[in-house]
């Protein structure tokens, strides 16, 4: 009898441990598919995309859920050894039935490229400033034949450059981030550059644009400030901290705001590599003396609007900048334009349009030709106009 009781207790302990760790062999579905315990929630309860972080020798996934009365938020936490590979679902369909969920696989020591200077014979598509507008982002990419309806990459070896500002205003920032993380971890040529809103959230030094949803999510996660979501021990935080503020693809210079005369003249040995190093090591404190010229003034890389607003930059300064970086043009975002297009006789390209009003545009660079890509919705073919 004692042996039977001991065996029963052992089985109970094993089953309890299994519930605390995420596993894929809990149950068999009708078609023999194994249930992923990470996804074992009622989707309508999910308040935000999962938060994944490492601590010690373990990795934890927290799902932020609405209570049964919708009056409180709570978390459901799963854990596993840090060297384990696992997959979870980012639930979308419960928010909008016209859009599907997607899966993200976390692989230990996955290698991300993050090259700051690169060359390609393939097309380069540039978009920006989605600001948490997940559905507008995927509408554009589906219509432009970058991804399919299941968000699978179908752009081959072509490149997509996201020129910053996936953060703030909208309420699906983390869904956007996980989708970019998914594509890049699977080997797609995805480039995400810092905009001013990325810097503000990672550092926490300006929070007035953050959707109320993310302020509400802090308490159930055990946080007091938004920047705690993007610390280096979180999966998305570690990935975000390896991005670039400047890149050069072929002979095109990419930066969120632009390169002002003040910044250009103040920097000795101004280079893409040096700029990215300065930005990355100061993400937690962008106001300090070293990084402020790049990140915290109207003349900074992420804030400059002088290509479009008075006083506009002298074309001679622009020529100096392009010559210094051996580039034929600079592609920027940050300042909303009536249409994605060119200015300064084709030397400045801008991709920022009013996405919050449903405007979905980008620029496609094909060798020496440049096209505007316009999208109505994901079911309608994109319109391609040579500039």
Protein backbone atom coordinates (compact mmCIF):
# COMPACT_ATOMS: atom_id res chain seq x y z
CA UNK A 1 0.00 0.00 0.00
CA UNK A 2 2.84 2.38 0.90
CA UNK A 3 4.45 1.63 -2.47
CA UNK A 4 1.21 2.49 -4.31
CA UNK A 5 0.89 5.80 -2.44
CA UNK A 6 4.51 6.65 -3.20
CA UNK A 7 4.04 5.92 -6.91
CA UNK A 8 0.87 8.01 -7.00
CA UNK A 9 2.62 10.96 -5.38
CA UNK A 10 5.52 10.66 -7.85
CA UNK A 11 3.15 10.72 -10.82
CA UNK A 12 1.37 13.78 -9.37
CA UNK A 13 4.68 15.64 -8.97
CA UNK A 14 5.75 14.79 -12.52
CA UNK A 15 2.43 16.01 -13.91
CA UNK A 16 2.67 19.24 -11.91
CA UNK A 17 6.17 19.90 -13.22
CA UNK A 18 4.96 19.31 -16.75
CA UNK A 19 2.38 22.07 -16.34
CA UNK A 20 5.06 24.50 -15.22
CA UNK A 21 7.32 23.84 -18.20
CA UNK A 22 6.30 24.36 -21.77
CA UNK A 23 6.16 21.15 -23.69
CA UNK A 24 4.69 19.95 -26.98
CA UNK A 25 3.67 16.45 -25.94
CA UNK A 26 0.88 17.18 -23.47
CA UNK A 27 -2.04 16.04 -25.64
CA UNK A 28 -2.76 14.58 -29.04
CA UNK A 29 -5.26 16.38 -31.27
CA UNK A 30 -7.82 14.69 -33.49
CA UNK A 31 -5.35 14.55 -36.38
CA UNK A 32 -2.45 13.41 -34.22
CA UNK A 33 -0.96 16.89 -33.80
CA UNK A 34 0.70 17.53 -30.45
CA UNK A 35 -0.55 20.44 -28.42
CA UNK A 36 1.92 23.19 -27.63
CA UNK A 37 1.32 24.04 -23.99
CA UNK A 38 2.64 27.54 -24.67
CA UNK A 39 -0.52 28.16 -26.68
CA UNK A 40 -2.90 26.67 -24.11
CA UNK A 41 -4.98 29.77 -23.46
CA UNK A 42 -8.29 31.11 -24.65
CA UNK A 43 -7.19 33.45 -27.41
CA UNK A 44 -9.83 36.06 -26.61
CA UNK A 45 -8.18 36.42 -23.19
CA UNK A 46 -4.83 37.51 -24.65
CA UNK A 47 -4.13 41.17 -23.94
CA UNK A 48 -0.75 41.52 -25.67
CA UNK A 49 1.76 39.44 -27.59
CA UNK A 50 3.93 37.16 -25.40
CA UNK A 51 6.83 38.55 -23.39
CA UNK A 52 9.88 36.25 -23.51
CA UNK A 53 12.97 36.72 -21.37
CA UNK A 54 15.94 34.86 -19.92
CA UNK A 55 16.94 34.64 -16.27
CA UNK A 56 19.82 32.51 -15.12
CA UNK A 57 19.74 29.17 -16.89
CA UNK A 58 16.09 29.44 -17.90
CA UNK A 59 13.96 31.20 -20.46
CA UNK A 60 10.46 32.30 -19.52
CA UNK A 61 7.41 33.10 -21.61
CA UNK A 62 4.69 35.23 -20.06
CA UNK A 63 1.29 35.56 -21.63
CA UNK A 64 -0.58 38.66 -20.50
CA UNK A 65 -4.25 37.78 -20.15
CA UNK A 66 -7.50 39.52 -19.37
CA UNK A 67 -9.34 38.09 -16.40
CA UNK A 68 -12.73 36.43 -16.88
CA UNK A 69 -14.40 39.69 -15.90
CA UNK A 70 -12.00 41.80 -18.03
CA UNK A 71 -11.41 43.94 -14.93
CA UNK A 72 -7.84 42.84 -14.27
CA UNK A 73 -4.78 41.61 -16.10
CA UNK A 74 -2.85 38.53 -15.11
CA UNK A 75 0.01 36.49 -16.49
CA UNK A 76 0.50 32.83 -17.30
CA UNK A 77 4.17 31.89 -17.14
CA UNK A 78 6.04 28.99 -18.72
CA UNK A 79 9.71 28.10 -18.34
CA UNK A 80 12.34 25.96 -19.99
CA UNK A 81 16.15 25.61 -20.03
CA UNK A 82 17.81 28.53 -21.84
CA UNK A 83 19.46 26.22 -24.39
CA UNK A 84 16.13 24.77 -25.57
CA UNK A 85 14.45 25.50 -28.88
CA UNK A 86 10.74 26.25 -28.70
CA UNK A 87 7.87 27.74 -30.66
CA UNK A 88 4.83 29.78 -29.71
CA UNK A 89 1.90 31.43 -31.47
CA UNK A 90 1.23 35.13 -31.68
CA UNK A 91 -2.55 35.29 -31.76
CA UNK A 92 -4.04 37.73 -34.27
CA UNK A 93 -7.29 36.16 -35.43
CA UNK A 94 -9.18 36.96 -32.22
CA UNK A 95 -8.46 40.66 -32.82
CA UNK A 96 -9.45 40.65 -36.49
CA UNK A 97 -10.97 37.57 -38.13
CA UNK A 98 -9.59 38.56 -41.54
CA UNK A 99 -6.01 37.96 -40.35
CA UNK A 100 -4.28 34.77 -39.28
CA UNK A 101 -2.13 33.92 -36.30
CA UNK A 102 1.57 33.25 -36.76
CA UNK A 103 4.23 31.17 -35.06
CA UNK A 104 7.62 32.32 -33.82
CA UNK A 105 10.46 29.89 -33.19
CA UNK A 106 13.10 30.78 -30.64
CA UNK A 107 16.45 29.16 -31.37
CA UNK A 108 19.38 29.37 -28.94
CA UNK A 109 22.27 31.38 -30.37
CA UNK A 110 20.44 32.22 -33.60
CA UNK A 111 22.71 34.35 -35.78
CA UNK A 112 21.31 37.65 -37.03
CA UNK A 113 23.18 39.50 -39.80
CA UNK A 114 22.68 43.19 -38.92
CA UNK A 115 25.20 44.23 -41.56
CA UNK A 116 25.49 48.00 -41.77
CA UNK A 117 27.02 48.12 -45.25
CA UNK A 118 25.91 45.64 -47.84
CA UNK A 119 25.62 45.11 -51.58
CA UNK A 120 23.01 43.29 -53.58
CA UNK A 121 21.86 42.74 -57.15
CA UNK A 122 18.35 42.22 -55.83
CA UNK A 123 15.56 44.73 -55.33
CA UNK A 124 15.35 46.78 -52.13
CA UNK A 125 11.92 47.69 -50.73
CA UNK A 126 11.82 50.47 -48.14
CA UNK A 127 8.95 51.23 -45.74
CA UNK A 128 8.65 53.08 -42.44
CA UNK A 129 6.63 54.57 -39.58
CA UNK A 130 4.04 51.83 -39.09
CA UNK A 131 3.73 52.84 -35.42
CA UNK A 132 1.90 49.76 -34.18
CA UNK A 133 -0.40 49.49 -37.22
CA UNK A 134 0.04 45.74 -37.73
CA UNK A 135 -2.81 45.27 -40.21
CA UNK A 136 -1.67 48.12 -42.46
CA UNK A 137 1.87 46.71 -42.39
CA UNK A 138 0.89 43.19 -43.43
CA UNK A 139 -1.65 44.52 -45.96
CA UNK A 140 1.17 46.33 -47.71
CA UNK A 141 3.58 43.39 -47.59
CA UNK A 142 0.99 40.85 -48.77
CA UNK A 143 -0.17 43.04 -51.65
CA UNK A 144 3.44 43.82 -52.62
CA UNK A 145 4.17 40.06 -52.77
CA UNK A 146 6.71 40.17 -49.94
CA UNK A 147 4.79 37.66 -47.79
CA UNK A 148 1.79 35.36 -48.25
CA UNK A 149 -1.46 35.35 -46.27
CA UNK A 150 0.20 33.22 -43.59
CA UNK A 151 3.01 35.81 -43.26
CA UNK A 152 5.56 33.47 -44.82
CA UNK A 153 8.41 35.22 -46.61
CA UNK A 154 8.16 34.99 -50.41
CA UNK A 155 10.55 37.80 -51.38
CA UNK A 156 13.50 35.47 -51.93
CA UNK A 157 16.88 37.20 -51.58
CA UNK A 158 15.39 40.67 -52.00
CA UNK A 159 15.73 43.12 -49.13
CA UNK A 160 13.14 44.98 -47.04
CA UNK A 161 14.32 47.98 -45.04
CA UNK A 162 12.11 49.18 -42.19
CA UNK A 163 13.27 52.76 -41.61
CA UNK A 164 12.21 52.97 -37.98
CA UNK A 165 9.19 53.90 -35.86
CA UNK A 166 7.42 50.60 -35.42
CA UNK A 167 6.75 51.83 -31.88
CA UNK A 168 4.09 54.08 -30.31
CA UNK A 169 0.62 55.40 -31.09
CA UNK A 170 -0.77 52.08 -32.37
CA UNK A 171 -1.75 49.11 -30.18
CA UNK A 172 0.01 46.23 -31.99
CA UNK A 173 3.66 47.18 -31.63
CA UNK A 174 4.81 43.82 -30.27
CA UNK A 175 2.97 41.89 -32.97
CA UNK A 176 4.91 43.95 -35.55
CA UNK A 177 8.20 43.31 -33.76
CA UNK A 178 7.67 39.56 -33.43
CA UNK A 179 6.87 39.32 -37.13
CA UNK A 180 10.12 41.06 -38.10
CA UNK A 181 11.99 38.90 -35.59
CA UNK A 182 10.42 35.79 -37.14
CA UNK A 183 11.46 36.70 -40.70
CA UNK A 184 14.98 37.69 -39.75
CA UNK A 185 15.51 34.58 -37.61
CA UNK A 186 14.43 32.50 -40.61
CA UNK A 187 17.11 34.12 -42.78
CA UNK A 188 15.13 36.79 -44.64
CA UNK A 189 16.93 39.99 -45.65
CA UNK A 190 15.15 42.25 -43.15
CA UNK A 191 16.75 45.49 -41.98
CA UNK A 192 15.22 47.39 -39.08
CA UNK A 193 16.75 50.79 -38.31
CA UNK A 194 16.19 52.85 -35.20
CA UNK A 195 13.70 55.67 -35.38
CA UNK A 196 13.20 58.23 -32.65
CA UNK A 197 10.34 56.15 -31.22
CA UNK A 198 12.51 53.04 -30.84
CA UNK A 199 15.05 55.11 -28.90
CA UNK A 200 12.36 56.66 -26.70
CA UNK A 201 10.93 53.27 -25.71
CA UNK A 202 14.21 51.41 -25.22
CA UNK A 203 15.55 54.23 -23.04
CA UNK A 204 12.22 55.21 -21.49
CA UNK A 205 13.08 58.90 -21.74
CA UNK A 206 9.82 59.91 -23.45
CA UNK A 207 6.56 58.05 -23.00
CA UNK A 208 3.83 60.44 -24.12
CA UNK A 209 3.24 58.60 -27.41
CA UNK A 210 2.86 55.12 -25.89
CA UNK A 211 -0.57 53.52 -26.31
CA UNK A 212 -2.36 53.07 -22.98
CA UNK A 213 -2.32 49.30 -23.51
CA UNK A 214 1.41 49.08 -22.84
CA UNK A 215 1.20 51.13 -19.67
CA UNK A 216 -1.47 48.73 -18.41
CA UNK A 217 0.73 45.72 -19.22
CA UNK A 218 3.57 46.87 -16.96
CA UNK A 219 2.03 45.85 -13.63
CA UNK A 220 1.23 42.20 -14.48
CA UNK A 221 4.77 41.84 -15.81
CA UNK A 222 6.14 43.21 -12.56
CA UNK A 223 7.53 46.35 -14.21
CA UNK A 224 7.30 50.02 -13.34
CA UNK A 225 8.64 51.60 -16.55
CA UNK A 226 8.28 50.90 -20.28
CA UNK A 227 12.04 50.46 -20.86
CA UNK A 228 12.01 47.36 -18.66
CA UNK A 229 10.23 45.53 -21.49
CA UNK A 230 13.26 46.02 -23.74
CA UNK A 231 16.17 45.18 -21.46
CA UNK A 232 18.90 42.97 -22.84
CA UNK A 233 17.56 39.88 -21.03
CA UNK A 234 14.31 39.92 -23.06
CA UNK A 235 14.36 38.21 -26.45
CA UNK A 236 12.95 41.22 -28.28
CA UNK A 237 15.11 43.60 -26.25
CA UNK A 238 18.31 41.76 -27.11
CA UNK A 239 17.31 41.72 -30.78
CA UNK A 240 16.37 45.42 -30.79
CA UNK A 241 19.68 46.40 -29.22
CA UNK A 242 21.62 44.91 -32.14
CA UNK A 243 19.92 46.98 -34.84
CA UNK A 244 21.55 49.90 -36.67
CA UNK A 245 20.90 53.63 -36.82
CA UNK A 246 22.56 53.96 -40.23
CA UNK A 247 23.03 51.55 -43.11
CA UNK A 248 24.23 51.70 -46.67
CA UNK A 249 22.86 49.30 -49.25
CA UNK A 250 24.68 49.56 -52.58
CA UNK A 251 24.92 53.34 -53.08
CA UNK A 252 21.86 54.24 -50.96
CA UNK A 253 22.27 55.67 -47.47
CA UNK A 254 19.50 54.72 -45.03
CA UNK A 255 18.69 56.70 -41.87
CA UNK A 256 15.44 57.54 -40.10
CA UNK A 257 15.56 61.33 -39.97
CA UNK A 258 18.55 62.50 -41.96
CA UNK A 259 22.04 63.95 -41.64
CA UNK A 260 22.01 67.58 -40.67
CA UNK A 261 24.76 70.07 -41.40
CA UNK A 262 25.33 70.51 -37.65
CA UNK A 263 25.85 66.79 -37.08
CA UNK A 264 27.95 66.35 -40.21
CA UNK A 265 30.30 69.23 -39.40
CA UNK A 266 30.68 68.25 -35.73
CA UNK A 267 31.84 64.67 -36.28
CA UNK A 268 35.42 63.74 -36.90
CA UNK A 269 35.88 60.49 -38.81
CA UNK A 270 32.12 60.31 -39.38
CA UNK A 271 31.42 56.73 -40.40
CA UNK A 272 28.51 54.31 -40.45
CA UNK A 273 30.30 51.81 -38.20
CA UNK A 274 31.30 54.41 -35.62
CA UNK A 275 27.79 55.90 -35.57
CA UNK A 276 26.16 52.51 -34.93
CA UNK A 277 28.64 51.73 -32.16
CA UNK A 278 27.91 55.04 -30.42
CA UNK A 279 24.15 54.55 -30.69
CA UNK A 280 24.11 50.91 -29.56
CA UNK A 281 26.21 51.49 -26.47
CA UNK A 282 24.08 54.46 -25.39
CA UNK A 283 20.57 53.10 -25.91
CA UNK A 284 19.81 53.31 -22.19
CA UNK A 285 21.05 56.89 -21.95
CA UNK A 286 20.70 58.68 -25.30
CA UNK A 287 20.99 62.12 -23.67
CA UNK A 288 24.64 61.75 -22.67
CA UNK A 289 27.38 63.80 -24.28
CA UNK A 290 28.54 61.11 -26.70
CA UNK A 291 25.17 60.06 -28.11
CA UNK A 292 23.05 63.23 -27.87
CA UNK A 293 24.26 64.64 -31.23
CA UNK A 294 22.98 61.45 -32.89
CA UNK A 295 19.81 60.86 -30.88
CA UNK A 296 18.54 63.79 -28.85
CA UNK A 297 18.20 67.04 -30.76
CA UNK A 298 16.46 68.44 -33.83
CA UNK A 299 19.73 67.96 -35.73
CA UNK A 300 20.11 64.30 -34.67
CA UNK A 301 19.95 61.31 -37.00
CA UNK A 302 16.57 60.23 -35.69
CA UNK A 303 14.97 63.68 -35.42
CA UNK A 304 16.23 65.79 -38.34
CA UNK A 305 13.47 67.18 -40.62
CA UNK A 306 15.53 69.69 -42.58
CA UNK A 307 15.01 68.06 -45.96
CA UNK A 308 11.32 69.01 -45.85
CA UNK A 309 10.79 71.79 -43.29
CA UNK A 310 12.24 75.26 -42.98
CA UNK A 311 15.03 76.04 -42.71
CA UNK A 312 15.66 73.42 -45.38
CA UNK A 313 19.12 72.01 -45.86
CA UNK A 314 21.28 73.64 -48.52
CA UNK A 315 21.69 71.21 -51.45
CA UNK A 316 25.45 71.86 -51.27
CA UNK A 317 25.52 70.34 -47.78
CA UNK A 318 23.61 67.32 -49.03
CA UNK A 319 26.15 66.87 -51.82
CA UNK A 320 28.97 66.94 -49.24
CA UNK A 321 27.23 64.30 -47.16
CA UNK A 322 26.60 62.01 -50.13
CA UNK A 323 30.17 62.40 -51.33
CA UNK A 324 31.54 61.64 -47.86
CA UNK A 325 29.58 58.39 -47.68
CA UNK A 326 30.04 57.59 -51.40
CA UNK A 327 26.28 57.45 -51.89
CA UNK A 328 24.04 58.62 -54.74
CA UNK A 329 21.05 59.36 -52.50
CA UNK A 330 19.80 59.20 -48.92
CA UNK A 331 16.53 57.45 -48.03
CA UNK A 332 14.75 58.74 -44.91
CA UNK A 333 11.43 58.68 -43.04
CA UNK A 334 10.23 60.59 -39.95
CA UNK A 335 8.51 63.53 -41.71
CA UNK A 336 5.09 62.70 -43.17
CA UNK A 337 4.80 63.39 -46.90
CA UNK A 338 1.76 63.52 -49.20
CA UNK A 339 3.30 60.63 -51.17
CA UNK A 340 6.35 58.43 -50.81
CA UNK A 341 8.80 59.85 -53.30
CA UNK A 342 11.86 61.91 -54.19
CA UNK A 343 13.08 65.45 -53.60
CA UNK A 344 16.34 67.39 -54.04
CA UNK A 345 16.50 66.30 -57.69
CA UNK A 346 16.32 62.65 -56.72
CA UNK A 347 18.99 62.88 -54.02
CA UNK A 348 16.54 62.43 -51.09
CA UNK A 349 13.89 59.72 -50.90
CA UNK A 350 11.20 59.61 -48.20
CA UNK A 351 8.85 56.76 -47.24
CA UNK A 352 6.83 58.32 -44.41
CA UNK A 353 3.13 58.69 -45.23
CA UNK A 354 0.05 58.87 -43.00
CA UNK A 355 -0.41 55.18 -42.21
CA UNK A 356 -2.91 55.94 -39.42
CA UNK A 357 -5.31 57.17 -42.09
CA UNK A 358 -4.78 54.02 -44.11
CA UNK A 359 -2.13 55.31 -46.53
CA UNK A 360 0.12 52.38 -47.42
CA UNK A 361 3.14 53.21 -49.58
CA UNK A 362 6.80 52.36 -49.94
CA UNK A 363 9.71 52.77 -52.33
CA UNK A 364 11.24 50.02 -54.44
CA UNK A 365 14.85 50.40 -55.61
CA UNK A 366 15.65 48.25 -58.63
CA UNK A 367 19.24 48.85 -59.74
CA UNK A 368 19.05 52.47 -61.00
CA UNK A 369 15.26 52.70 -61.18
CA UNK A 370 13.02 53.81 -58.31
CA UNK A 371 9.32 53.00 -58.00
CA UNK A 372 6.56 54.05 -55.64
CA UNK A 373 4.51 51.08 -54.43
CA UNK A 374 0.94 51.89 -53.37
CA UNK A 375 -1.44 49.44 -51.72
CA UNK A 376 -5.17 49.66 -51.06
CA UNK A 377 -5.58 46.43 -49.08
CA UNK A 378 -4.13 42.92 -48.98
CA UNK A 379 -6.65 41.62 -51.53
CA UNK A 380 -5.84 44.25 -54.17
CA UNK A 381 -2.75 44.22 -56.37
CA UNK A 382 -0.24 46.94 -55.57
CA UNK A 383 0.27 49.87 -57.94
CA UNK A 384 3.83 50.43 -59.12
CA UNK A 385 4.82 53.88 -60.42
CA UNK A 386 8.24 54.76 -61.78
CA UNK A 387 9.64 57.98 -60.29
